[in-house]
């Protein structure tokens, strides 16, 4: 016997997967390679503060397929900020690669710390791996976009402008 509150409110439907007619003419770009084969980990532990926002580059994980950088971000919370938006880093890496770099967030935690503070840790992937010809790597965070989710989409509600620059010698 099914109880009425476990019953689906909408009739059961079968969904067909629509195949795009132009898929052969405009194929989707292949997904970037996921960092899997670890080469080494470089502990960085450098903090840059711009406009009251402290960004620390904790480590750089070097993989054959790409790199993963782990950041810690800290700033004081404004009185007008009642909820906690999610930070998203916009950054660039040099030296340049023959293939344009792709960046994506791999995970993150954080939010309100002690009253009036916000602290986050976030990991970002960089693919492909920057050239390993012995030069230094420069990771520059140009801005932090503060996003809030609502009505089915993310909206940028504030921006902290950098740059926060980190130089890593190999």
N, C-alpha and C. Protein backbone atom coordinates (compact mmCIF):
# COMPACT_ATOMS: atom_id res chain seq x y z
N UNK A 1 0.82 -1.16 0.00
CA UNK A 1 0.00 0.00 0.00
C UNK A 1 0.88 1.24 0.00
N UNK A 2 0.61 2.15 -0.91
CA UNK A 2 1.37 3.40 -0.98
C UNK A 2 0.62 4.48 -0.22
N UNK A 3 1.33 5.16 0.60
CA UNK A 3 0.72 6.26 1.33
C UNK A 3 0.62 7.47 0.41
N UNK A 4 -0.42 8.29 0.54
CA UNK A 4 -0.62 9.38 -0.40
C UNK A 4 0.50 10.41 -0.41
N UNK A 5 1.19 10.61 0.70
CA UNK A 5 2.24 11.62 0.70
C UNK A 5 3.54 11.13 0.07
N UNK A 6 3.64 9.84 -0.27
CA UNK A 6 4.79 9.33 -0.99
C UNK A 6 4.52 9.25 -2.49
N UNK A 7 3.33 9.52 -2.89
CA UNK A 7 2.94 9.42 -4.29
C UNK A 7 3.47 10.64 -5.06
N UNK A 8 3.89 10.40 -6.26
CA UNK A 8 4.34 11.48 -7.12
C UNK A 8 3.17 12.39 -7.47
N UNK A 9 3.39 13.68 -7.45
CA UNK A 9 2.33 14.64 -7.74
C UNK A 9 2.15 14.83 -9.24
N UNK A 10 3.14 14.47 -10.02
CA UNK A 10 3.01 14.62 -11.47
C UNK A 10 2.95 13.23 -12.11
N UNK A 11 2.28 13.13 -13.23
CA UNK A 11 2.21 11.82 -13.90
C UNK A 11 3.60 11.38 -14.36
N UNK A 12 3.79 10.09 -14.39
CA UNK A 12 5.09 9.58 -14.85
C UNK A 12 5.25 9.84 -16.33
N UNK A 13 6.42 10.28 -16.68
CA UNK A 13 6.70 10.58 -18.09
C UNK A 13 8.02 9.92 -18.48
N UNK A 14 8.10 9.62 -19.74
CA UNK A 14 9.36 9.14 -20.27
C UNK A 14 10.01 10.30 -21.00
N UNK A 15 11.28 10.46 -20.79
CA UNK A 15 12.01 11.55 -21.43
C UNK A 15 12.94 10.99 -22.48
N UNK A 16 12.95 11.61 -23.61
CA UNK A 16 13.83 11.21 -24.69
C UNK A 16 15.01 12.16 -24.72
N UNK A 17 16.17 11.64 -25.00
CA UNK A 17 17.36 12.47 -25.12
C UNK A 17 17.39 13.01 -26.54
N UNK A 18 17.36 14.34 -26.65
CA UNK A 18 17.38 14.98 -27.96
C UNK A 18 18.82 15.13 -28.42
N UNK A 19 19.06 14.71 -29.60
CA UNK A 19 20.40 14.83 -30.15
C UNK A 19 20.45 16.07 -31.02
N UNK A 20 21.46 16.88 -30.78
CA UNK A 20 21.58 18.13 -31.52
C UNK A 20 21.96 17.84 -32.97
N UNK A 21 21.24 18.42 -33.89
CA UNK A 21 21.46 18.18 -35.31
C UNK A 21 22.83 18.70 -35.75
N UNK A 22 23.25 19.84 -35.16
CA UNK A 22 24.52 20.44 -35.56
C UNK A 22 25.71 19.90 -34.78
N UNK A 23 25.54 18.83 -34.01
CA UNK A 23 26.63 18.32 -33.18
C UNK A 23 27.85 17.94 -34.02
N UNK A 24 27.64 17.43 -35.22
CA UNK A 24 28.78 17.05 -36.06
C UNK A 24 29.52 18.28 -36.55
N UNK A 25 28.80 19.37 -36.80
CA UNK A 25 29.44 20.59 -37.29
C UNK A 25 30.11 21.39 -36.17
N UNK A 26 29.55 21.34 -34.96
CA UNK A 26 30.06 22.13 -33.84
C UNK A 26 30.21 21.23 -32.61
N UNK A 27 31.21 20.38 -32.59
CA UNK A 27 31.34 19.49 -31.44
C UNK A 27 31.73 20.28 -30.18
N UNK A 28 31.29 19.80 -29.05
CA UNK A 28 31.63 20.43 -27.79
C UNK A 28 33.12 20.23 -27.52
N UNK A 29 33.78 21.22 -26.91
CA UNK A 29 35.20 21.04 -26.62
C UNK A 29 35.39 19.90 -25.63
N UNK A 30 36.48 19.16 -25.77
CA UNK A 30 36.69 18.04 -24.84
C UNK A 30 36.92 18.59 -23.44
N UNK A 31 36.50 17.86 -22.42
CA UNK A 31 36.75 18.33 -21.06
C UNK A 31 38.24 18.30 -20.76
N UNK A 32 38.71 19.19 -19.89
CA UNK A 32 40.14 19.17 -19.57
C UNK A 32 40.49 17.90 -18.81
N UNK A 33 41.75 17.51 -18.93
CA UNK A 33 42.22 16.34 -18.22
C UNK A 33 42.19 16.62 -16.72
N UNK A 34 41.68 15.69 -15.96
CA UNK A 34 41.65 15.83 -14.51
C UNK A 34 43.04 15.54 -13.95
N UNK A 35 43.53 16.36 -13.02
CA UNK A 35 44.84 16.07 -12.41
C UNK A 35 44.79 14.74 -11.65
N UNK A 36 45.62 13.77 -12.08
CA UNK A 36 45.59 12.45 -11.47
C UNK A 36 46.98 11.96 -11.05
N UNK A 37 47.98 12.14 -11.90
CA UNK A 37 49.30 11.58 -11.62
C UNK A 37 50.18 12.64 -10.95
N UNK A 38 50.29 12.54 -9.62
CA UNK A 38 51.00 13.53 -8.83
C UNK A 38 52.51 13.48 -9.08
N UNK A 39 53.08 14.67 -9.33
CA UNK A 39 54.53 14.80 -9.50
C UNK A 39 55.14 15.20 -8.18
N UNK A 40 54.67 16.32 -7.60
CA UNK A 40 55.12 16.76 -6.29
C UNK A 40 54.19 17.85 -5.75
N UNK A 41 54.42 18.24 -4.52
CA UNK A 41 53.65 19.29 -3.87
C UNK A 41 54.62 20.33 -3.37
N UNK A 42 54.34 21.59 -3.70
CA UNK A 42 55.18 22.69 -3.26
C UNK A 42 54.41 23.47 -2.20
N UNK A 43 54.90 23.48 -0.99
CA UNK A 43 54.29 24.27 0.07
C UNK A 43 54.67 25.73 -0.14
N UNK A 44 53.72 26.61 -0.25
CA UNK A 44 54.01 28.01 -0.55
C UNK A 44 53.85 28.86 0.72
N UNK A 45 52.65 28.94 1.26
CA UNK A 45 52.41 29.64 2.51
C UNK A 45 52.71 31.13 2.48
N UNK A 46 52.34 31.80 1.38
CA UNK A 46 52.55 33.26 1.28
C UNK A 46 51.21 33.97 1.29
N UNK A 47 51.15 35.09 2.01
CA UNK A 47 49.93 35.86 2.11
C UNK A 47 50.12 37.23 1.49
N UNK A 48 49.17 37.64 0.69
CA UNK A 48 49.12 38.98 0.11
C UNK A 48 47.82 39.62 0.58
N UNK A 49 47.90 40.88 1.03
CA UNK A 49 46.71 41.60 1.49
C UNK A 49 46.50 42.82 0.62
N UNK A 50 45.32 42.93 0.05
CA UNK A 50 44.94 44.08 -0.78
C UNK A 50 43.55 44.52 -0.35
N UNK A 51 43.42 45.78 0.01
CA UNK A 51 42.10 46.32 0.37
C UNK A 51 41.44 45.60 1.53
N UNK A 52 42.23 45.13 2.49
CA UNK A 52 41.68 44.44 3.65
C UNK A 52 41.32 42.99 3.42
N UNK A 53 41.61 42.46 2.24
CA UNK A 53 41.33 41.05 1.92
C UNK A 53 42.67 40.32 1.85
N UNK A 54 42.84 39.35 2.74
CA UNK A 54 44.08 38.56 2.78
C UNK A 54 43.86 37.25 2.04
N UNK A 55 44.70 37.02 1.03
CA UNK A 55 44.65 35.76 0.27
C UNK A 55 45.99 35.07 0.48
N UNK A 56 45.92 33.82 0.91
CA UNK A 56 47.13 33.03 1.14
C UNK A 56 47.14 31.89 0.13
N UNK A 57 48.24 31.76 -0.59
CA UNK A 57 48.44 30.58 -1.45
C UNK A 57 49.12 29.55 -0.57
N UNK A 58 48.39 28.50 -0.19
CA UNK A 58 48.90 27.50 0.73
C UNK A 58 49.83 26.51 0.05
N UNK A 59 49.41 26.00 -1.12
CA UNK A 59 50.23 25.00 -1.78
C UNK A 59 49.93 24.94 -3.27
N UNK A 60 50.86 24.37 -3.98
CA UNK A 60 50.73 24.09 -5.41
C UNK A 60 51.01 22.61 -5.58
N UNK A 61 50.00 21.87 -6.01
CA UNK A 61 50.15 20.45 -6.29
C UNK A 61 50.42 20.31 -7.79
N UNK A 62 51.56 19.75 -8.13
CA UNK A 62 51.90 19.59 -9.54
C UNK A 62 51.56 18.16 -9.99
N UNK A 63 50.74 18.08 -11.01
CA UNK A 63 50.36 16.82 -11.63
C UNK A 63 50.83 16.85 -13.08
N UNK A 64 50.94 15.70 -13.70
CA UNK A 64 51.33 15.66 -15.10
C UNK A 64 50.29 16.35 -15.99
N UNK A 65 49.01 16.20 -15.63
CA UNK A 65 47.93 16.74 -16.45
C UNK A 65 47.60 18.21 -16.16
N UNK A 66 48.01 18.71 -15.03
CA UNK A 66 47.69 20.09 -14.64
C UNK A 66 48.13 20.32 -13.21
N UNK A 67 47.79 21.46 -12.67
CA UNK A 67 48.15 21.80 -11.30
C UNK A 67 46.89 22.08 -10.50
N UNK A 68 47.01 21.96 -9.19
CA UNK A 68 45.94 22.33 -8.27
C UNK A 68 46.54 23.30 -7.25
N UNK A 69 45.90 24.46 -7.10
CA UNK A 69 46.35 25.45 -6.12
C UNK A 69 45.32 25.52 -5.01
N UNK A 70 45.79 25.63 -3.78
CA UNK A 70 44.92 25.72 -2.62
C UNK A 70 45.09 27.10 -2.00
N UNK A 71 43.98 27.85 -1.92
CA UNK A 71 43.98 29.20 -1.37
C UNK A 71 43.23 29.24 -0.04
N UNK A 72 43.62 30.17 0.80
CA UNK A 72 42.85 30.56 1.99
C UNK A 72 42.58 32.04 1.84
N UNK A 73 41.33 32.43 2.04
CA UNK A 73 40.94 33.84 1.90
C UNK A 73 40.29 34.28 3.21
N UNK A 74 40.67 35.45 3.68
CA UNK A 74 40.12 35.99 4.91
C UNK A 74 39.81 37.47 4.72
N UNK A 75 38.65 37.90 5.19
CA UNK A 75 38.33 39.32 5.23
C UNK A 75 37.27 39.57 6.27
N UNK A 76 37.22 40.82 6.72
CA UNK A 76 36.19 41.20 7.68
C UNK A 76 34.86 41.33 6.97
N UNK A 77 33.83 40.96 7.68
CA UNK A 77 32.48 41.01 7.14
C UNK A 77 31.89 42.39 7.38
N UNK A 78 31.29 42.96 6.34
CA UNK A 78 30.68 44.27 6.46
C UNK A 78 29.37 44.16 7.23
N UNK A 79 29.02 45.23 7.92
CA UNK A 79 27.77 45.22 8.71
C UNK A 79 26.54 44.94 7.83
N UNK A 80 26.60 45.39 6.59
CA UNK A 80 25.45 45.21 5.69
C UNK A 80 25.31 43.78 5.17
N UNK A 81 26.33 42.95 5.35
CA UNK A 81 26.31 41.57 4.85
C UNK A 81 25.65 40.66 5.87
N UNK A 82 24.41 40.31 5.61
CA UNK A 82 23.67 39.45 6.54
C UNK A 82 23.93 37.96 6.23
N UNK A 83 24.00 37.62 4.96
CA UNK A 83 24.29 36.24 4.60
C UNK A 83 25.69 36.17 4.02
N UNK A 84 26.13 34.96 3.73
CA UNK A 84 27.50 34.75 3.28
C UNK A 84 27.52 34.39 1.81
N UNK A 85 27.94 35.31 0.95
CA UNK A 85 28.10 34.94 -0.46
C UNK A 85 29.32 34.03 -0.63
N UNK A 86 29.42 33.39 -1.78
CA UNK A 86 30.51 32.47 -2.08
C UNK A 86 31.55 33.16 -2.95
N UNK A 87 32.83 33.14 -2.56
CA UNK A 87 33.86 33.78 -3.39
C UNK A 87 34.24 32.91 -4.58
N UNK A 88 34.55 33.57 -5.67
CA UNK A 88 35.05 32.90 -6.88
C UNK A 88 36.26 33.69 -7.37
N UNK A 89 37.42 33.05 -7.46
CA UNK A 89 38.65 33.74 -7.85
C UNK A 89 38.78 33.80 -9.36
N UNK A 90 39.12 34.97 -9.86
CA UNK A 90 39.50 35.14 -11.27
C UNK A 90 41.01 35.31 -11.26
N UNK A 91 41.73 34.43 -11.96
CA UNK A 91 43.19 34.55 -11.92
C UNK A 91 43.83 34.16 -13.24
N UNK A 92 45.11 34.47 -13.29
CA UNK A 92 45.91 34.16 -14.48
C UNK A 92 47.21 33.50 -14.03
N UNK A 93 47.80 32.74 -14.94
CA UNK A 93 49.04 32.03 -14.66
C UNK A 93 50.05 32.36 -15.74
N UNK A 94 51.30 32.59 -15.34
CA UNK A 94 52.37 32.73 -16.32
C UNK A 94 53.51 31.82 -15.85
N UNK A 95 54.32 31.25 -16.73
CA UNK A 95 54.45 31.58 -18.14
C UNK A 95 53.27 31.07 -18.96
N UNK A 96 53.08 31.71 -20.07
CA UNK A 96 52.00 31.34 -20.98
C UNK A 96 52.26 29.94 -21.54
N UNK A 97 51.18 29.27 -21.87
CA UNK A 97 51.26 27.94 -22.46
C UNK A 97 50.87 28.03 -23.93
N UNK A 98 51.28 27.05 -24.71
CA UNK A 98 50.87 27.03 -26.12
C UNK A 98 49.37 26.78 -26.24
N UNK A 99 48.80 26.11 -25.25
CA UNK A 99 47.36 25.89 -25.17
C UNK A 99 46.82 26.80 -24.06
N UNK A 100 45.73 27.51 -24.30
CA UNK A 100 45.20 28.38 -23.24
C UNK A 100 44.85 27.58 -21.98
N UNK A 101 45.15 28.18 -20.84
CA UNK A 101 44.83 27.52 -19.58
C UNK A 101 43.33 27.54 -19.33
N UNK A 102 42.86 26.49 -18.67
CA UNK A 102 41.47 26.44 -18.20
C UNK A 102 41.53 26.33 -16.69
N UNK A 103 40.65 27.07 -16.01
CA UNK A 103 40.62 27.08 -14.55
C UNK A 103 39.23 26.67 -14.10
N UNK A 104 39.16 25.88 -13.03
CA UNK A 104 37.86 25.57 -12.44
C UNK A 104 38.07 25.24 -10.97
N UNK A 105 37.03 25.55 -10.17
CA UNK A 105 37.11 25.28 -8.75
C UNK A 105 36.85 23.80 -8.52
N UNK A 106 37.72 23.18 -7.73
CA UNK A 106 37.59 21.76 -7.44
C UNK A 106 36.87 21.51 -6.12
N UNK A 107 36.80 22.51 -5.28
CA UNK A 107 36.13 22.35 -4.00
C UNK A 107 36.46 23.51 -3.09
N UNK A 108 35.66 23.67 -2.07
CA UNK A 108 35.91 24.75 -1.14
C UNK A 108 35.03 24.63 0.09
N UNK A 109 35.49 25.25 1.16
CA UNK A 109 34.74 25.28 2.41
C UNK A 109 34.88 26.66 3.02
N UNK A 110 34.05 26.95 3.97
CA UNK A 110 34.22 28.18 4.71
C UNK A 110 32.93 28.93 4.89
N UNK A 111 33.09 30.16 5.32
CA UNK A 111 31.96 31.03 5.59
C UNK A 111 32.28 31.91 6.77
N UNK A 112 31.33 32.04 7.65
CA UNK A 112 31.52 32.89 8.81
C UNK A 112 32.45 32.25 9.82
N UNK A 113 33.40 33.01 10.25
CA UNK A 113 34.28 32.56 11.30
C UNK A 113 33.81 33.20 12.59
N UNK A 114 34.72 33.79 13.32
CA UNK A 114 34.36 34.56 14.50
C UNK A 114 33.49 35.72 14.03
N UNK A 115 32.65 36.24 14.90
CA UNK A 115 31.73 37.32 14.52
C UNK A 115 32.46 38.40 13.74
N UNK A 116 31.89 38.76 12.61
CA UNK A 116 32.45 39.82 11.77
C UNK A 116 33.56 39.39 10.85
N UNK A 117 33.79 38.09 10.70
CA UNK A 117 34.85 37.60 9.83
C UNK A 117 34.32 36.60 8.82
N UNK A 118 35.01 36.50 7.70
CA UNK A 118 34.71 35.47 6.70
C UNK A 118 36.03 34.80 6.33
N UNK A 119 36.02 33.48 6.33
CA UNK A 119 37.22 32.72 5.99
C UNK A 119 36.82 31.56 5.09
N UNK A 120 37.54 31.41 4.00
CA UNK A 120 37.27 30.34 3.03
C UNK A 120 38.57 29.66 2.63
N UNK A 121 38.48 28.39 2.26
CA UNK A 121 39.57 27.66 1.61
C UNK A 121 39.00 27.12 0.32
N UNK A 122 39.75 27.31 -0.77
CA UNK A 122 39.28 26.83 -2.06
C UNK A 122 40.44 26.26 -2.86
N UNK A 123 40.14 25.19 -3.60
CA UNK A 123 41.12 24.57 -4.48
C UNK A 123 40.68 24.80 -5.92
N UNK A 124 41.62 25.22 -6.76
CA UNK A 124 41.34 25.44 -8.18
C UNK A 124 42.31 24.61 -9.00
N UNK A 125 41.79 24.05 -10.09
CA UNK A 125 42.62 23.29 -11.03
C UNK A 125 43.06 24.21 -12.16
N UNK A 126 44.25 23.97 -12.65
CA UNK A 126 44.82 24.69 -13.80
C UNK A 126 45.24 23.62 -14.80
N UNK A 127 44.69 23.67 -16.00
CA UNK A 127 45.06 22.69 -17.02
C UNK A 127 45.21 23.41 -18.35
N UNK A 128 46.16 23.04 -19.16
CA UNK A 128 47.19 22.02 -18.94
C UNK A 128 48.23 22.51 -17.95
N UNK A 129 49.14 21.62 -17.59
CA UNK A 129 50.21 22.00 -16.66
C UNK A 129 51.09 23.06 -17.30
N UNK A 130 51.46 24.11 -16.55
CA UNK A 130 52.39 25.10 -17.09
C UNK A 130 53.71 24.44 -17.48
N UNK A 131 54.41 25.02 -18.44
CA UNK A 131 55.68 24.43 -18.90
C UNK A 131 56.64 24.22 -17.72
N UNK A 132 57.32 23.09 -17.72
CA UNK A 132 58.25 22.77 -16.63
C UNK A 132 59.69 22.91 -17.10
N UNK A 133 60.02 24.10 -17.60
CA UNK A 133 61.38 24.33 -18.09
C UNK A 133 62.26 25.03 -17.06
N UNK A 134 61.88 24.94 -15.79
CA UNK A 134 62.72 25.49 -14.74
C UNK A 134 62.42 26.93 -14.36
N UNK A 135 61.53 27.60 -15.11
CA UNK A 135 61.20 28.97 -14.76
C UNK A 135 60.24 28.99 -13.58
N UNK A 136 60.06 30.17 -13.04
CA UNK A 136 59.11 30.32 -11.95
C UNK A 136 57.68 30.42 -12.49
N UNK A 137 56.74 30.10 -11.64
CA UNK A 137 55.32 30.22 -11.98
C UNK A 137 54.78 31.42 -11.20
N UNK A 138 54.02 32.26 -11.88
CA UNK A 138 53.37 33.39 -11.24
C UNK A 138 51.86 33.17 -11.32
N UNK A 139 51.21 33.18 -10.17
CA UNK A 139 49.76 33.06 -10.09
C UNK A 139 49.24 34.38 -9.58
N UNK A 140 48.42 35.04 -10.38
CA UNK A 140 47.90 36.36 -10.02
C UNK A 140 46.38 36.29 -9.94
N UNK A 141 45.83 36.55 -8.75
CA UNK A 141 44.38 36.64 -8.57
C UNK A 141 44.01 38.09 -8.86
N UNK A 142 43.28 38.33 -9.94
CA UNK A 142 42.95 39.70 -10.33
C UNK A 142 41.76 40.24 -9.56
N UNK A 143 40.78 39.38 -9.27
CA UNK A 143 39.63 39.82 -8.49
C UNK A 143 38.92 38.63 -7.87
N UNK A 144 38.16 38.93 -6.84
CA UNK A 144 37.33 37.94 -6.18
C UNK A 144 35.88 38.35 -6.39
N UNK A 145 35.14 37.51 -7.08
CA UNK A 145 33.73 37.77 -7.33
C UNK A 145 32.92 37.10 -6.23
N UNK A 146 32.08 37.85 -5.55
CA UNK A 146 31.24 37.31 -4.49
C UNK A 146 29.88 36.99 -5.10
N UNK A 147 29.54 35.69 -5.12
CA UNK A 147 28.32 35.24 -5.79
C UNK A 147 27.30 34.73 -4.77
N UNK A 148 26.05 34.97 -5.09
CA UNK A 148 24.94 34.49 -4.28
C UNK A 148 24.00 33.73 -5.20
N UNK A 149 23.49 32.61 -4.71
CA UNK A 149 22.58 31.79 -5.50
C UNK A 149 21.15 32.16 -5.16
N UNK A 150 20.34 32.35 -6.20
CA UNK A 150 18.93 32.64 -5.98
C UNK A 150 18.19 32.61 -7.31
N UNK A 151 16.95 32.22 -7.29
CA UNK A 151 16.11 32.16 -8.49
C UNK A 151 16.75 31.30 -9.59
N UNK A 152 17.45 30.24 -9.19
CA UNK A 152 17.98 29.29 -10.15
C UNK A 152 19.27 29.71 -10.82
N UNK A 153 19.93 30.77 -10.36
CA UNK A 153 21.18 31.21 -10.98
C UNK A 153 22.07 31.90 -9.96
N UNK A 154 23.34 32.04 -10.31
CA UNK A 154 24.27 32.76 -9.46
C UNK A 154 24.33 34.22 -9.91
N UNK A 155 24.41 35.11 -8.95
CA UNK A 155 24.48 36.53 -9.23
C UNK A 155 25.67 37.11 -8.48
N UNK A 156 26.48 37.92 -9.16
CA UNK A 156 27.61 38.58 -8.52
C UNK A 156 27.06 39.75 -7.70
N UNK A 157 27.32 39.73 -6.40
CA UNK A 157 26.79 40.77 -5.51
C UNK A 157 27.86 41.75 -5.05
N UNK A 158 29.15 41.39 -5.20
CA UNK A 158 30.24 42.28 -4.83
C UNK A 158 31.52 41.79 -5.51
N UNK A 159 32.48 42.69 -5.63
CA UNK A 159 33.77 42.35 -6.24
C UNK A 159 34.87 42.99 -5.41
N UNK A 160 35.87 42.19 -5.03
CA UNK A 160 37.10 42.70 -4.42
C UNK A 160 38.18 42.66 -5.51
N UNK A 161 38.80 43.81 -5.75
CA UNK A 161 39.78 43.91 -6.83
C UNK A 161 41.19 43.82 -6.26
N UNK A 162 42.03 43.02 -6.90
CA UNK A 162 43.41 42.78 -6.48
C UNK A 162 44.37 43.73 -7.16
N UNK A 163 45.49 43.27 -7.56
CA UNK A 163 45.90 41.87 -7.70
C UNK A 163 46.61 41.33 -6.45
N UNK A 164 46.43 40.04 -6.25
CA UNK A 164 47.19 39.29 -5.28
C UNK A 164 48.12 38.42 -6.11
N UNK A 165 49.44 38.65 -6.03
CA UNK A 165 50.41 37.94 -6.88
C UNK A 165 51.29 37.03 -6.05
N UNK A 166 51.49 35.81 -6.58
CA UNK A 166 52.31 34.82 -5.91
C UNK A 166 53.32 34.26 -6.90
N UNK A 167 54.59 34.32 -6.56
CA UNK A 167 55.65 33.80 -7.40
C UNK A 167 56.20 32.54 -6.75
N UNK A 168 56.23 31.46 -7.50
CA UNK A 168 56.71 30.18 -6.99
C UNK A 168 57.93 29.78 -7.81
N UNK A 169 59.08 29.69 -7.14
CA UNK A 169 60.30 29.22 -7.81
C UNK A 169 60.31 27.71 -7.76
N UNK A 170 60.74 27.11 -8.86
CA UNK A 170 60.77 25.63 -8.90
C UNK A 170 62.09 25.10 -8.46
